[in-house]
């Protein structure tokens, strides 16, 4: 029987698990963080990617002048 794995990560990522953990802790009243911080494992990486993209666009714009 052939091995069906292709080396790609098909599972749940670390940040997704971290977010699920924070949500569970928040709903269980173990932590009293704001929902903004509970959801931070989702929005902080998106914000970083958007920032890198904008810096890249700025570099391209400066080089074209």
Protein backbone atom coordinates (compact mmCIF):
# COMPACT_ATOMS: atom_id res chain seq x y z
CA UNK A 1 0.00 0.00 0.00
CA UNK A 2 1.38 3.40 -0.98
CA UNK A 3 1.98 6.11 1.56
CA UNK A 4 -0.61 8.84 0.96
CA UNK A 5 1.28 11.63 2.73
CA UNK A 6 2.94 14.17 0.51
CA UNK A 7 4.91 16.10 3.10
CA UNK A 8 2.54 19.06 3.18
CA UNK A 9 1.09 20.26 6.47
CA UNK A 10 -2.56 19.28 6.32
CA UNK A 11 -3.28 19.56 10.01
CA UNK A 12 -4.34 22.36 12.28
CA UNK A 13 -1.66 24.99 12.75
CA UNK A 14 -0.11 26.18 15.99
CA UNK A 15 -1.86 29.55 15.91
CA UNK A 16 -5.25 27.91 15.34
CA UNK A 17 -4.72 25.64 18.33
CA UNK A 18 -3.57 28.58 20.41
CA UNK A 19 -6.67 30.55 19.45
CA UNK A 20 -8.92 27.60 20.32
CA UNK A 21 -7.16 27.27 23.67
CA UNK A 22 -7.65 30.97 24.42
CA UNK A 23 -11.32 30.78 23.45
CA UNK A 24 -11.84 27.79 25.74
CA UNK A 25 -10.08 29.50 28.62
CA UNK A 26 -12.10 32.68 28.07
CA UNK A 27 -15.42 30.85 27.91
CA UNK A 28 -14.48 28.85 31.01
CA UNK A 29 -13.72 32.07 32.91
CA UNK A 30 -10.12 30.98 33.49
CA UNK A 31 -8.83 34.16 31.87
CA UNK A 32 -10.55 37.54 31.77
CA UNK A 33 -8.79 38.94 28.72
CA UNK A 34 -10.56 41.11 26.20
CA UNK A 35 -11.86 39.26 23.16
CA UNK A 36 -9.36 41.29 21.10
CA UNK A 37 -6.50 39.50 22.88
CA UNK A 38 -8.21 36.13 22.79
CA UNK A 39 -8.46 36.41 19.01
CA UNK A 40 -4.93 37.84 18.67
CA UNK A 41 -3.45 34.61 17.21
CA UNK A 42 -5.66 35.26 14.18
CA UNK A 43 -5.38 39.01 13.65
CA UNK A 44 -1.75 39.70 14.59
CA UNK A 45 -0.25 37.49 11.82
CA UNK A 46 -2.67 39.03 9.31
CA UNK A 47 -1.62 42.49 10.44
CA UNK A 48 2.05 41.56 10.06
CA UNK A 49 1.52 40.21 6.54
CA UNK A 50 -0.39 43.36 5.58
CA UNK A 51 2.44 45.50 7.01
CA UNK A 52 5.10 43.62 5.05
CA UNK A 53 2.97 43.95 1.91
CA UNK A 54 2.61 47.71 2.40
CA UNK A 55 6.33 48.13 3.02
CA UNK A 56 6.99 46.18 -0.17
CA UNK A 57 4.64 48.43 -2.11
CA UNK A 58 6.38 51.49 -0.67
CA UNK A 59 9.80 50.16 -1.70
CA UNK A 60 8.53 49.47 -5.23
CA UNK A 61 7.02 52.96 -5.44
CA UNK A 62 10.27 54.61 -4.31
CA UNK A 63 12.36 52.60 -6.78
CA UNK A 64 10.14 53.56 -9.72
CA UNK A 65 10.71 57.28 -9.13
